[in-house]
Amino acid sequence: MAGHNVRTHQVQGGCADASFVVLGFIANNVYFIDDGEGLIIVDPSCRPSDILSIVGDRKVDAIFCTHNHSDHVGCLAQIQKATGATVYASTIDAPLIEKGQKDPDGYYADPCKVDVRVNDGDTITVGKTTWKVMATPGHTKGSICFFLDAKNAPKKGKNLLVSGDTLFAGSIGRTDFAGGSMADMRKSLAKLQKLPDATIVLPGHNALTTIQAEQRRVFAYFL
């Protein structure tokens, strides 16, 4: 059975039920967030059969793409085709997602249509959740984060921030790729720093964290 060797990790204490699996040789976090009516999948990186086995018979309402790098959208086209979910990505990064990619490091991504192109400050309602889009360039020009305020969520709990490769536990995304900028990254981090301290951060790689924890580490160091 596909997925039987994939360990699913639960996100504790959030305002929406969420879990994630770690896939691929860069250890990408792929998130499954319950929107109260179906699922939101975040950054489907690879191994689509494993992702779909975790989905099971649940409805997938949306796929959120934090940025265009192939390790984050490697099987986006396959997951979209299998589920019929609406694909969300930034207006800036959408063209590369729709073009498809061949990565010399081993990842690739088939072309996939972006159904909804979003910009800074946009709100997205999926099921019983309403998310705020935060433009956070630095890792790529079109990197975005998705913020879920607990008052716009299906259950009581802490705010959630899907941070992609902008903010990690104790670190930040690389800025030395094409389209990267440390100056932009610092501005993006300054925006994230203002979020409520208790916000649970769901990063694209490595461990979960909170805004409060990164006040003492990332924000204190880079800002």
N, C-alpha and C. Protein backbone atom coordinates (compact mmCIF):
# COMPACT_ATOMS: atom_id res chain seq x y z
N MET A 1 0.85 -1.21 0.00
CA MET A 1 0.00 0.00 0.00
C MET A 1 0.87 1.24 0.00
N ALA A 2 0.62 2.16 -0.93
CA ALA A 2 1.39 3.40 -0.98
C ALA A 2 1.21 4.17 0.31
N GLY A 3 2.31 4.72 0.78
CA GLY A 3 2.24 5.55 1.97
C GLY A 3 2.41 4.81 3.27
N HIS A 4 2.54 3.45 3.23
CA HIS A 4 2.58 2.71 4.49
C HIS A 4 3.87 2.96 5.25
N ASN A 5 4.91 3.46 4.57
CA ASN A 5 6.16 3.76 5.25
C ASN A 5 6.32 5.25 5.55
N VAL A 6 5.28 6.02 5.31
CA VAL A 6 5.34 7.46 5.52
C VAL A 6 4.78 7.79 6.90
N ARG A 7 5.57 8.42 7.71
CA ARG A 7 5.13 8.78 9.05
C ARG A 7 4.42 10.13 9.01
N THR A 8 3.21 10.16 9.54
CA THR A 8 2.45 11.40 9.60
C THR A 8 2.63 12.03 10.98
N HIS A 9 2.95 13.32 10.99
CA HIS A 9 3.15 14.07 12.23
C HIS A 9 1.96 14.99 12.46
N GLN A 10 1.46 15.05 13.68
CA GLN A 10 0.32 15.91 14.01
C GLN A 10 0.80 17.29 14.49
N VAL A 11 0.06 18.31 14.10
CA VAL A 11 0.29 19.67 14.60
C VAL A 11 -0.63 19.86 15.80
N GLN A 12 -0.07 20.13 16.94
CA GLN A 12 -0.84 20.24 18.18
C GLN A 12 -1.21 21.68 18.49
N GLY A 13 -2.46 21.90 18.92
CA GLY A 13 -2.86 23.19 19.48
C GLY A 13 -3.31 24.24 18.51
N GLY A 14 -3.40 23.92 17.22
CA GLY A 14 -3.79 24.92 16.24
C GLY A 14 -5.29 25.11 16.12
N CYS A 15 -5.69 26.16 15.42
CA CYS A 15 -7.10 26.48 15.25
C CYS A 15 -7.74 25.70 14.11
N ALA A 16 -6.97 24.84 13.48
CA ALA A 16 -7.48 23.88 12.50
C ALA A 16 -6.66 22.61 12.66
N ASP A 17 -7.30 21.46 12.54
CA ASP A 17 -6.56 20.21 12.60
C ASP A 17 -5.59 20.14 11.43
N ALA A 18 -4.34 19.76 11.71
CA ALA A 18 -3.33 19.72 10.66
C ALA A 18 -2.32 18.63 10.96
N SER A 19 -1.74 18.11 9.90
CA SER A 19 -0.68 17.13 10.01
C SER A 19 0.28 17.36 8.86
N PHE A 20 1.43 16.69 8.92
CA PHE A 20 2.38 16.82 7.82
C PHE A 20 3.22 15.56 7.69
N VAL A 21 3.76 15.37 6.49
CA VAL A 21 4.72 14.31 6.23
C VAL A 21 5.98 14.95 5.66
N VAL A 22 7.10 14.27 5.84
CA VAL A 22 8.38 14.74 5.33
C VAL A 22 8.75 13.88 4.13
N LEU A 23 8.89 14.51 2.96
CA LEU A 23 9.11 13.78 1.72
C LEU A 23 10.30 14.35 0.94
N GLY A 24 10.98 13.47 0.22
CA GLY A 24 12.03 13.90 -0.69
C GLY A 24 13.39 14.04 -0.04
N PHE A 25 14.42 14.18 -0.88
CA PHE A 25 15.77 14.19 -0.35
C PHE A 25 16.19 15.54 0.22
N ILE A 26 15.33 16.55 0.12
CA ILE A 26 15.57 17.81 0.83
C ILE A 26 14.65 17.90 2.04
N ALA A 27 13.94 16.81 2.33
CA ALA A 27 13.08 16.71 3.51
C ALA A 27 12.06 17.84 3.57
N ASN A 28 11.18 17.86 2.59
CA ASN A 28 10.12 18.87 2.54
C ASN A 28 8.95 18.48 3.43
N ASN A 29 8.39 19.47 4.13
CA ASN A 29 7.16 19.27 4.88
C ASN A 29 5.96 19.49 3.96
N VAL A 30 5.14 18.48 3.81
CA VAL A 30 3.89 18.59 3.06
C VAL A 30 2.75 18.56 4.07
N TYR A 31 1.94 19.62 4.09
CA TYR A 31 0.90 19.76 5.10
C TYR A 31 -0.48 19.38 4.58
N PHE A 32 -1.28 18.85 5.51
CA PHE A 32 -2.68 18.51 5.26
C PHE A 32 -3.49 19.23 6.34
N ILE A 33 -4.23 20.24 5.95
CA ILE A 33 -4.95 21.08 6.90
C ILE A 33 -6.46 20.90 6.68
N ASP A 34 -7.17 20.58 7.76
CA ASP A 34 -8.62 20.38 7.72
C ASP A 34 -9.29 21.75 7.73
N ASP A 35 -10.01 22.06 6.64
CA ASP A 35 -10.67 23.37 6.56
C ASP A 35 -12.09 23.35 7.10
N GLY A 36 -12.49 22.24 7.73
CA GLY A 36 -13.84 22.12 8.27
C GLY A 36 -14.81 21.46 7.32
N GLU A 37 -14.43 21.38 6.05
CA GLU A 37 -15.26 20.72 5.05
C GLU A 37 -14.46 19.73 4.21
N GLY A 38 -13.20 19.97 4.08
CA GLY A 38 -12.30 19.13 3.31
C GLY A 38 -10.87 19.42 3.72
N LEU A 39 -9.94 19.19 2.81
CA LEU A 39 -8.52 19.38 3.11
C LEU A 39 -7.90 20.46 2.25
N ILE A 40 -6.90 21.11 2.83
CA ILE A 40 -5.97 21.95 2.10
C ILE A 40 -4.62 21.24 2.13
N ILE A 41 -4.02 21.03 0.97
CA ILE A 41 -2.67 20.48 0.89
C ILE A 41 -1.72 21.63 0.61
N VAL A 42 -0.60 21.66 1.34
CA VAL A 42 0.39 22.72 1.16
C VAL A 42 1.67 22.14 0.57
N ASP A 43 2.11 22.69 -0.55
CA ASP A 43 3.40 22.39 -1.19
C ASP A 43 3.63 20.88 -1.41
N PRO A 44 2.85 20.27 -2.32
CA PRO A 44 3.05 18.85 -2.62
C PRO A 44 4.36 18.63 -3.38
N SER A 45 5.33 18.06 -2.70
CA SER A 45 6.69 18.06 -3.24
C SER A 45 6.96 16.89 -4.19
N CYS A 46 6.61 15.67 -3.76
CA CYS A 46 6.94 14.49 -4.54
C CYS A 46 6.14 13.31 -4.01
N ARG A 47 6.33 12.14 -4.64
CA ARG A 47 5.65 10.91 -4.21
C ARG A 47 4.14 11.10 -4.11
N PRO A 48 3.51 11.40 -5.24
CA PRO A 48 2.06 11.67 -5.22
C PRO A 48 1.23 10.51 -4.68
N SER A 49 1.66 9.27 -4.92
CA SER A 49 0.88 8.14 -4.42
C SER A 49 0.83 8.13 -2.90
N ASP A 50 1.94 8.53 -2.26
CA ASP A 50 1.95 8.61 -0.79
C ASP A 50 1.02 9.72 -0.30
N ILE A 51 1.08 10.87 -0.97
CA ILE A 51 0.21 11.99 -0.57
C ILE A 51 -1.25 11.58 -0.71
N LEU A 52 -1.60 10.95 -1.82
CA LEU A 52 -2.98 10.56 -2.06
C LEU A 52 -3.44 9.46 -1.10
N SER A 53 -2.52 8.61 -0.68
CA SER A 53 -2.90 7.57 0.29
C SER A 53 -3.24 8.18 1.64
N ILE A 54 -2.57 9.28 1.97
CA ILE A 54 -2.86 9.98 3.23
C ILE A 54 -4.21 10.71 3.12
N VAL A 55 -4.47 11.28 1.95
CA VAL A 55 -5.76 11.95 1.72
C VAL A 55 -6.91 10.94 1.86
N GLY A 56 -6.71 9.76 1.33
CA GLY A 56 -7.76 8.75 1.38
C GLY A 56 -9.01 9.20 0.64
N ASP A 57 -10.16 9.04 1.27
CA ASP A 57 -11.42 9.40 0.61
C ASP A 57 -11.88 10.82 0.96
N ARG A 58 -11.01 11.56 1.59
CA ARG A 58 -11.37 12.94 1.93
C ARG A 58 -11.31 13.84 0.69
N LYS A 59 -12.12 14.88 0.70
CA LYS A 59 -12.15 15.85 -0.40
C LYS A 59 -11.02 16.86 -0.21
N VAL A 60 -10.30 17.14 -1.28
CA VAL A 60 -9.26 18.17 -1.24
C VAL A 60 -9.83 19.42 -1.90
N ASP A 61 -9.98 20.48 -1.11
CA ASP A 61 -10.57 21.71 -1.61
C ASP A 61 -9.56 22.63 -2.27
N ALA A 62 -8.32 22.63 -1.76
CA ALA A 62 -7.34 23.61 -2.24
C ALA A 62 -5.94 23.07 -2.10
N ILE A 63 -5.06 23.58 -2.94
CA ILE A 63 -3.63 23.34 -2.82
C ILE A 63 -2.96 24.71 -2.74
N PHE A 64 -2.26 24.96 -1.64
CA PHE A 64 -1.54 26.22 -1.45
C PHE A 64 -0.08 26.02 -1.86
N CYS A 65 0.44 26.93 -2.67
CA CYS A 65 1.84 26.91 -3.08
C CYS A 65 2.53 28.15 -2.50
N THR A 66 3.52 27.93 -1.64
CA THR A 66 4.19 29.07 -1.02
C THR A 66 5.18 29.73 -1.96
N HIS A 67 5.75 28.97 -2.90
CA HIS A 67 6.65 29.54 -3.89
C HIS A 67 6.88 28.53 -5.00
N ASN A 68 7.67 28.93 -5.99
CA ASN A 68 7.73 28.14 -7.23
C ASN A 68 8.80 27.07 -7.28
N HIS A 69 9.63 26.91 -6.26
CA HIS A 69 10.73 25.95 -6.35
C HIS A 69 10.21 24.53 -6.54
N SER A 70 10.93 23.78 -7.36
CA SER A 70 10.44 22.47 -7.77
C SER A 70 10.32 21.48 -6.62
N ASP A 71 11.08 21.66 -5.54
CA ASP A 71 10.92 20.73 -4.42
C ASP A 71 9.64 20.99 -3.64
N HIS A 72 8.95 22.08 -3.94
CA HIS A 72 7.67 22.39 -3.29
C HIS A 72 6.47 22.14 -4.20
N VAL A 73 6.70 22.07 -5.49
CA VAL A 73 5.58 21.85 -6.43
C VAL A 73 5.86 20.67 -7.35
N GLY A 74 6.75 19.77 -6.92
CA GLY A 74 7.19 18.68 -7.78
C GLY A 74 6.08 17.78 -8.27
N CYS A 75 5.07 17.53 -7.44
CA CYS A 75 3.95 16.68 -7.90
C CYS A 75 2.63 17.44 -7.85
N LEU A 76 2.71 18.76 -7.91
CA LEU A 76 1.50 19.58 -7.89
C LEU A 76 0.53 19.18 -8.99
N ALA A 77 1.04 19.02 -10.21
CA ALA A 77 0.17 18.70 -11.35
C ALA A 77 -0.55 17.37 -11.14
N GLN A 78 0.17 16.38 -10.61
CA GLN A 78 -0.43 15.08 -10.39
C GLN A 78 -1.50 15.13 -9.30
N ILE A 79 -1.22 15.86 -8.23
CA ILE A 79 -2.20 15.96 -7.14
C ILE A 79 -3.43 16.74 -7.59
N GLN A 80 -3.21 17.81 -8.33
CA GLN A 80 -4.36 18.59 -8.83
C GLN A 80 -5.23 17.75 -9.75
N LYS A 81 -4.59 16.98 -10.62
CA LYS A 81 -5.35 16.15 -11.55
C LYS A 81 -6.16 15.09 -10.81
N ALA A 82 -5.57 14.52 -9.77
CA ALA A 82 -6.23 13.44 -9.03
C ALA A 82 -7.36 13.94 -8.16
N THR A 83 -7.26 15.18 -7.68
CA THR A 83 -8.23 15.68 -6.70
C THR A 83 -9.18 16.74 -7.26
N GLY A 84 -8.77 17.43 -8.32
CA GLY A 84 -9.58 18.53 -8.85
C GLY A 84 -9.54 19.77 -7.98
N ALA A 85 -8.58 19.84 -7.04
CA ALA A 85 -8.52 20.96 -6.10
C ALA A 85 -8.10 22.25 -6.79
N THR A 86 -8.51 23.36 -6.20
CA THR A 86 -8.13 24.69 -6.69
C THR A 86 -6.70 25.01 -6.25
N VAL A 87 -5.87 25.42 -7.20
CA VAL A 87 -4.47 25.73 -6.93
C VAL A 87 -4.31 27.23 -6.71
N TYR A 88 -3.67 27.58 -5.59
CA TYR A 88 -3.40 28.98 -5.24
C TYR A 88 -1.89 29.21 -5.23
N ALA A 89 -1.45 30.29 -5.87
CA ALA A 89 -0.04 30.68 -5.83
C ALA A 89 0.04 32.18 -6.08
N SER A 90 1.20 32.75 -5.81
CA SER A 90 1.34 34.19 -5.99
C SER A 90 1.34 34.56 -7.47
N THR A 91 0.89 35.76 -7.75
CA THR A 91 0.88 36.27 -9.12
C THR A 91 2.29 36.26 -9.70
N ILE A 92 3.28 36.52 -8.86
CA ILE A 92 4.68 36.60 -9.34
C ILE A 92 5.24 35.22 -9.67
N ASP A 93 4.99 34.23 -8.82
CA ASP A 93 5.59 32.91 -9.02
C ASP A 93 4.75 31.99 -9.90
N ALA A 94 3.51 32.36 -10.16
CA ALA A 94 2.62 31.50 -10.95
C ALA A 94 3.16 31.16 -12.34
N PRO A 95 3.76 32.09 -13.07
CA PRO A 95 4.21 31.74 -14.43
C PRO A 95 5.19 30.58 -14.47
N LEU A 96 6.11 30.49 -13.53
CA LEU A 96 7.07 29.39 -13.53
C LEU A 96 6.38 28.08 -13.17
N ILE A 97 5.42 28.13 -12.26
CA ILE A 97 4.66 26.93 -11.91
C ILE A 97 3.90 26.42 -13.14
N GLU A 98 3.36 27.33 -13.91
CA GLU A 98 2.60 26.94 -15.09
C GLU A 98 3.50 26.49 -16.24
N LYS A 99 4.75 26.94 -16.22
CA LYS A 99 5.71 26.56 -17.27
C LYS A 99 6.27 25.17 -17.04
N GLY A 100 6.41 24.77 -15.77
CA GLY A 100 7.06 23.52 -15.45
C GLY A 100 8.57 23.72 -15.32
N GLN A 101 9.23 22.77 -14.67
CA GLN A 101 10.65 22.95 -14.37
C GLN A 101 11.43 21.65 -14.49
N LYS A 102 12.69 21.80 -14.87
CA LYS A 102 13.65 20.71 -14.79
C LYS A 102 14.80 21.21 -13.94
N ASP A 103 15.01 20.55 -12.82
CA ASP A 103 15.99 21.00 -11.83
C ASP A 103 17.24 20.13 -11.93
N PRO A 104 18.42 20.73 -12.11
CA PRO A 104 19.65 19.94 -12.21
C PRO A 104 19.96 19.15 -10.94
N ASP A 105 19.37 19.54 -9.82
CA ASP A 105 19.61 18.83 -8.57
C ASP A 105 18.73 17.59 -8.41
N GLY A 106 17.85 17.37 -9.36
CA GLY A 106 17.08 16.14 -9.31
C GLY A 106 15.57 16.29 -9.21
N TYR A 107 15.10 17.44 -8.77
CA TYR A 107 13.66 17.66 -8.71
C TYR A 107 13.18 18.17 -10.07
N TYR A 108 11.94 17.89 -10.37
CA TYR A 108 11.32 18.44 -11.56
C TYR A 108 9.86 18.68 -11.24
N ALA A 109 9.19 19.42 -12.08
CA ALA A 109 7.77 19.68 -11.87
C ALA A 109 7.09 19.82 -13.22
N ASP A 110 6.04 19.05 -13.43
CA ASP A 110 5.25 19.19 -14.64
C ASP A 110 4.49 20.51 -14.59
N PRO A 111 4.16 21.09 -15.72
CA PRO A 111 3.37 22.32 -15.73
C PRO A 111 2.03 22.10 -15.05
N CYS A 112 1.58 23.11 -14.32
CA CYS A 112 0.28 23.04 -13.67
C CYS A 112 -0.37 24.41 -13.67
N LYS A 113 -1.61 24.46 -14.08
CA LYS A 113 -2.34 25.72 -14.10
C LYS A 113 -2.57 26.22 -12.68
N VAL A 114 -2.33 27.50 -12.46
CA VAL A 114 -2.66 28.15 -11.19
C VAL A 114 -4.05 28.74 -11.33
N ASP A 115 -4.99 28.23 -10.57
CA ASP A 115 -6.38 28.67 -10.71
C ASP A 115 -6.61 30.05 -10.14
N VAL A 116 -5.96 30.35 -9.02
CA VAL A 116 -6.14 31.64 -8.36
C VAL A 116 -4.76 32.24 -8.07
N ARG A 117 -4.49 33.39 -8.67
CA ARG A 117 -3.24 34.11 -8.42
C ARG A 117 -3.50 35.15 -7.33
N VAL A 118 -2.71 35.10 -6.28
CA VAL A 118 -2.97 35.96 -5.13
C VAL A 118 -1.83 36.96 -4.93
N ASN A 119 -2.17 38.01 -4.19
CA ASN A 119 -1.23 39.09 -3.92
C ASN A 119 -1.29 39.45 -2.44
N ASP A 120 -0.35 40.27 -2.00
CA ASP A 120 -0.25 40.65 -0.60
C ASP A 120 -1.57 41.24 -0.10
N GLY A 121 -2.05 40.74 1.02
CA GLY A 121 -3.27 41.26 1.64
C GLY A 121 -4.55 40.59 1.18
N ASP A 122 -4.47 39.75 0.16
CA ASP A 122 -5.67 39.04 -0.29
C ASP A 122 -6.17 38.10 0.81
N THR A 123 -7.46 37.83 0.81
CA THR A 123 -8.01 36.81 1.70
C THR A 123 -8.56 35.66 0.87
N ILE A 124 -8.39 34.46 1.40
CA ILE A 124 -8.83 33.24 0.72
C ILE A 124 -9.74 32.48 1.67
N THR A 125 -10.97 32.23 1.26
CA THR A 125 -11.86 31.42 2.06
C THR A 125 -11.94 30.03 1.46
N VAL A 126 -11.56 29.04 2.25
CA VAL A 126 -11.61 27.64 1.84
C VAL A 126 -12.34 26.89 2.95
N GLY A 127 -13.46 26.28 2.62
CA GLY A 127 -14.26 25.61 3.64
C GLY A 127 -14.66 26.59 4.72
N LYS A 128 -14.33 26.28 5.96
CA LYS A 128 -14.67 27.14 7.09
C LYS A 128 -13.46 27.93 7.58
N THR A 129 -12.47 28.09 6.72
CA THR A 129 -11.28 28.87 7.07
C THR A 129 -11.13 30.06 6.13
N THR A 130 -10.65 31.17 6.67
CA THR A 130 -10.33 32.33 5.85
C THR A 130 -8.89 32.74 6.14
N TRP A 131 -8.07 32.69 5.13
CA TRP A 131 -6.63 32.93 5.24
C TRP A 131 -6.26 34.29 4.69
N LYS A 132 -5.24 34.89 5.27
CA LYS A 132 -4.67 36.13 4.75
C LYS A 132 -3.36 35.81 4.05
N VAL A 133 -3.21 36.34 2.84
CA VAL A 133 -1.97 36.16 2.08
C VAL A 133 -0.99 37.26 2.47
N MET A 134 0.23 36.85 2.78
CA MET A 134 1.29 37.80 3.11
C MET A 134 2.43 37.62 2.11
N ALA A 135 2.69 38.64 1.31
CA ALA A 135 3.82 38.58 0.39
C ALA A 135 5.11 38.64 1.21
N THR A 136 5.98 37.65 1.01
CA THR A 136 7.23 37.58 1.78
C THR A 136 8.40 37.27 0.85
N PRO A 137 8.71 38.17 -0.07
CA PRO A 137 9.85 37.92 -0.97
C PRO A 137 11.16 37.85 -0.20
N GLY A 138 12.12 37.22 -0.83
CA GLY A 138 13.42 37.05 -0.21
C GLY A 138 14.03 35.74 -0.64
N HIS A 139 13.26 34.66 -0.50
CA HIS A 139 13.69 33.34 -0.99
C HIS A 139 13.43 33.25 -2.49
N THR A 140 12.24 33.65 -2.90
CA THR A 140 11.93 33.92 -4.31
C THR A 140 11.21 35.26 -4.35
N LYS A 141 11.09 35.84 -5.52
CA LYS A 141 10.42 37.14 -5.64
C LYS A 141 8.95 37.04 -5.26
N GLY A 142 8.36 35.87 -5.51
CA GLY A 142 6.93 35.72 -5.27
C GLY A 142 6.58 34.86 -4.08
N SER A 143 7.51 34.65 -3.17
CA SER A 143 7.21 33.85 -1.98
C SER A 143 6.06 34.47 -1.19
N ILE A 144 5.18 33.60 -0.69
CA ILE A 144 4.06 34.07 0.13
C ILE A 144 3.90 33.16 1.34
N CYS A 145 3.31 33.74 2.39
CA CYS A 145 2.89 32.99 3.56
C CYS A 145 1.38 33.06 3.65
N PHE A 146 0.79 32.07 4.30
CA PHE A 146 -0.66 32.02 4.50
C PHE A 146 -0.92 32.05 6.00
N PHE A 147 -1.68 33.05 6.45
CA PHE A 147 -1.94 33.24 7.88
C PHE A 147 -3.41 32.96 8.18
N LEU A 148 -3.63 32.09 9.17
CA LEU A 148 -5.00 31.77 9.60
C LEU A 148 -5.20 32.28 11.01
N ASP A 149 -5.99 33.35 11.14
CA ASP A 149 -6.35 33.88 12.45
C ASP A 149 -7.39 32.95 13.07
N ALA A 150 -7.24 32.68 14.35
CA ALA A 150 -8.12 31.73 15.03
C ALA A 150 -9.60 32.13 14.92
N LYS A 151 -9.87 33.41 14.78
CA LYS A 151 -11.27 33.82 14.70
C LYS A 151 -11.89 33.48 13.34
N ASN A 152 -11.05 33.10 12.39
CA ASN A 152 -11.53 32.72 11.06
C ASN A 152 -11.31 31.24 10.79
N ALA A 153 -11.38 30.44 11.86
CA ALA A 153 -11.03 29.03 11.78
C ALA A 153 -12.14 28.16 12.36
N PRO A 154 -12.11 26.85 12.08
CA PRO A 154 -13.22 25.98 12.50
C PRO A 154 -13.18 25.52 13.94
N LYS A 155 -12.09 25.74 14.67
CA LYS A 155 -12.01 25.27 16.04
C LYS A 155 -11.19 26.24 16.88
N LYS A 156 -11.33 26.10 18.19
CA LYS A 156 -10.54 26.93 19.09
C LYS A 156 -9.10 26.44 19.09
N GLY A 157 -8.17 27.40 19.10
CA GLY A 157 -6.76 27.04 19.09
C GLY A 157 -5.94 28.24 18.67
N LYS A 158 -4.67 28.00 18.46
CA LYS A 158 -3.75 29.08 18.14
C LYS A 158 -3.73 29.36 16.63
N ASN A 159 -3.39 30.61 16.30
CA ASN A 159 -3.24 30.99 14.90
C ASN A 159 -2.22 30.08 14.22
N LEU A 160 -2.37 29.93 12.90
CA LEU A 160 -1.42 29.16 12.11
C LEU A 160 -0.80 30.04 11.03
N LEU A 161 0.50 29.86 10.82
CA LEU A 161 1.20 30.54 9.73
C LEU A 161 1.91 29.49 8.89
N VAL A 162 1.50 29.37 7.63
CA VAL A 162 2.23 28.54 6.68
C VAL A 162 3.34 29.42 6.10
N SER A 163 4.59 29.12 6.47
CA SER A 163 5.67 30.06 6.17
C SER A 163 6.56 29.66 5.01
N GLY A 164 6.32 28.50 4.39
CA GLY A 164 7.14 28.10 3.26
C GLY A 164 8.61 28.10 3.61
N ASP A 165 9.43 28.68 2.72
CA ASP A 165 10.87 28.77 2.96
C ASP A 165 11.29 30.18 3.35
N THR A 166 10.37 30.92 3.98
CA THR A 166 10.73 32.23 4.50
C THR A 166 11.26 32.10 5.92
N LEU A 167 10.51 31.49 6.79
CA LEU A 167 10.88 31.38 8.21
C LEU A 167 10.92 29.92 8.63
N PHE A 168 12.04 29.52 9.21
CA PHE A 168 12.22 28.18 9.76
C PHE A 168 12.40 28.28 11.27
N ALA A 169 12.50 27.12 11.91
CA ALA A 169 12.84 27.08 13.33
C ALA A 169 14.31 27.44 13.49
N GLY A 170 14.57 28.66 13.96
CA GLY A 170 15.93 29.11 14.19
C GLY A 170 16.69 29.53 12.95
N SER A 171 16.01 29.66 11.82
CA SER A 171 16.71 29.99 10.59
C SER A 171 15.75 30.61 9.58
N ILE A 172 16.29 30.94 8.40
CA ILE A 172 15.50 31.50 7.32
C ILE A 172 15.86 30.80 6.01
N GLY A 173 15.05 31.03 4.99
CA GLY A 173 15.33 30.44 3.69
C GLY A 173 16.53 31.09 3.02
N ARG A 174 17.17 30.34 2.16
CA ARG A 174 18.34 30.87 1.44
C ARG A 174 17.93 32.02 0.53
N THR A 175 18.83 32.96 0.38
CA THR A 175 18.57 34.11 -0.49
C THR A 175 19.54 34.18 -1.66
N ASP A 176 20.34 33.12 -1.83
CA ASP A 176 21.36 33.14 -2.89
C ASP A 176 20.90 32.43 -4.16
N PHE A 177 19.62 32.06 -4.23
CA PHE A 177 19.07 31.52 -5.46
C PHE A 177 18.67 32.67 -6.39
N ALA A 178 18.40 32.33 -7.65
CA ALA A 178 17.86 33.33 -8.58
C ALA A 178 16.57 33.90 -8.02
N GLY A 179 16.47 35.21 -7.98
CA GLY A 179 15.28 35.87 -7.44
C GLY A 179 15.34 36.09 -5.95
N GLY A 180 16.39 35.62 -5.29
CA GLY A 180 16.52 35.81 -3.85
C GLY A 180 17.11 37.17 -3.52
N SER A 181 16.82 37.66 -2.32
CA SER A 181 17.31 38.97 -1.89
C SER A 181 17.30 39.04 -0.38
N MET A 182 18.45 39.27 0.23
CA MET A 182 18.49 39.41 1.68
C MET A 182 17.78 40.68 2.14
N ALA A 183 17.87 41.74 1.35
CA ALA A 183 17.17 42.98 1.71
C ALA A 183 15.66 42.74 1.75
N ASP A 184 15.15 42.02 0.75
CA ASP A 184 13.73 41.69 0.74
C ASP A 184 13.37 40.76 1.89
N MET A 185 14.27 39.81 2.17
CA MET A 185 14.01 38.86 3.25
C MET A 185 13.86 39.59 4.58
N ARG A 186 14.71 40.54 4.85
CA ARG A 186 14.62 41.29 6.12
C ARG A 186 13.28 42.02 6.22
N LYS A 187 12.82 42.60 5.14
CA LYS A 187 11.51 43.27 5.15
C LYS A 187 10.38 42.27 5.41
N SER A 188 10.52 41.10 4.82
CA SER A 188 9.50 40.07 5.04
C SER A 188 9.50 39.58 6.48
N LEU A 189 10.68 39.37 7.03
CA LEU A 189 10.77 38.94 8.42
C LEU A 189 10.18 39.99 9.36
N ALA A 190 10.37 41.25 9.03
CA ALA A 190 9.80 42.33 9.85
C ALA A 190 8.28 42.26 9.87
N LYS A 191 7.67 41.83 8.77
CA LYS A 191 6.21 41.66 8.72
C LYS A 191 5.78 40.49 9.60
N LEU A 192 6.51 39.40 9.50
CA LEU A 192 6.14 38.22 10.28
C LEU A 192 6.35 38.44 11.78
N GLN A 193 7.34 39.24 12.12
CA GLN A 193 7.64 39.51 13.52
C GLN A 193 6.45 40.14 14.25
N LYS A 194 5.59 40.83 13.52
CA LYS A 194 4.46 41.54 14.12
C LYS A 194 3.26 40.63 14.38
N LEU A 195 3.31 39.40 13.93
CA LEU A 195 2.20 38.48 14.18
C LEU A 195 2.16 38.11 15.66
N PRO A 196 1.00 37.67 16.15
CA PRO A 196 0.91 37.29 17.57
C PRO A 196 1.94 36.22 17.94
N ASP A 197 2.55 36.37 19.11
CA ASP A 197 3.63 35.48 19.53
C ASP A 197 3.22 34.02 19.55
N ALA A 198 1.97 33.74 19.91
CA ALA A 198 1.54 32.35 20.06
C ALA A 198 1.30 31.64 18.74
N THR A 199 1.39 32.36 17.63
CA THR A 199 1.15 31.78 16.32
C THR A 199 2.06 30.58 16.07
N ILE A 200 1.47 29.46 15.66
CA ILE A 200 2.23 28.26 15.31
C ILE A 200 2.71 28.40 13.87
N VAL A 201 4.00 28.21 13.67
CA VAL A 201 4.60 28.36 12.35
C VAL A 201 4.81 26.98 11.72
N LEU A 202 4.27 26.82 10.51
CA LEU A 202 4.40 25.58 9.74
C LEU A 202 5.37 25.84 8.59
N PRO A 203 6.66 25.55 8.77
CA PRO A 203 7.66 25.87 7.76
C PRO A 203 7.79 24.79 6.68
N GLY A 204 8.45 25.14 5.61
CA GLY A 204 8.63 24.22 4.50
C GLY A 204 9.61 23.10 4.77
N HIS A 205 10.47 23.28 5.75
CA HIS A 205 11.45 22.25 6.12
C HIS A 205 11.66 22.32 7.63
N ASN A 206 12.14 21.22 8.17
CA ASN A 206 12.56 21.15 9.57
C ASN A 206 11.38 21.26 10.54
N ALA A 207 11.66 21.56 11.80
CA ALA A 207 10.68 21.47 12.87
C ALA A 207 9.68 22.63 12.86
N LEU A 208 8.52 22.37 13.48
CA LEU A 208 7.56 23.44 13.72
C LEU A 208 8.15 24.42 14.74
N THR A 209 7.61 25.64 14.74
CA THR A 209 8.07 26.63 15.71
C THR A 209 6.93 27.59 15.99
N THR A 210 7.22 28.67 16.69
CA THR A 210 6.24 29.73 16.95
C THR A 210 6.88 31.08 16.67
N ILE A 211 6.04 32.08 16.50
CA ILE A 211 6.58 33.44 16.35
C ILE A 211 7.35 33.84 17.60
N GLN A 212 6.84 33.46 18.77
CA GLN A 212 7.53 33.81 20.01
C GLN A 212 8.94 33.23 20.07
N ALA A 213 9.09 31.97 19.69
CA ALA A 213 10.41 31.34 19.72
C ALA A 213 11.38 32.06 18.78
N GLU A 214 10.87 32.52 17.65
CA GLU A 214 11.76 33.17 16.68
C GLU A 214 12.03 34.64 17.00
N GLN A 215 11.26 35.21 17.94
CA GLN A 215 11.61 36.55 18.41
C GLN A 215 13.01 36.54 19.02
N ARG A 216 13.34 35.45 19.71
CA ARG A 216 14.62 35.35 20.42
C ARG A 216 15.75 34.87 19.52
N ARG A 217 15.39 34.30 18.37
CA ARG A 217 16.40 33.69 17.51
C ARG A 217 16.48 34.44 16.18
N VAL A 218 15.58 34.14 15.26
CA VAL A 218 15.65 34.72 13.92
C VAL A 218 15.49 36.24 13.93
N PHE A 219 14.41 36.73 14.55
CA PHE A 219 14.13 38.17 14.45
C PHE A 219 15.18 38.99 15.19
N ALA A 220 15.62 38.51 16.33
CA ALA A 220 16.66 39.24 17.08
C ALA A 220 17.96 39.29 16.30
N TYR A 221 18.23 38.27 15.51
CA TYR A 221 19.50 38.18 14.79
C TYR A 221 19.48 38.98 13.49
N PHE A 222 18.38 38.88 12.74
CA PHE A 222 18.36 39.45 11.39
C PHE A 222 17.80 40.87 11.34
N LEU A 223 17.07 41.29 12.38
CA LEU A 223 16.42 42.60 12.30
C LEU A 223 17.06 43.59 13.28
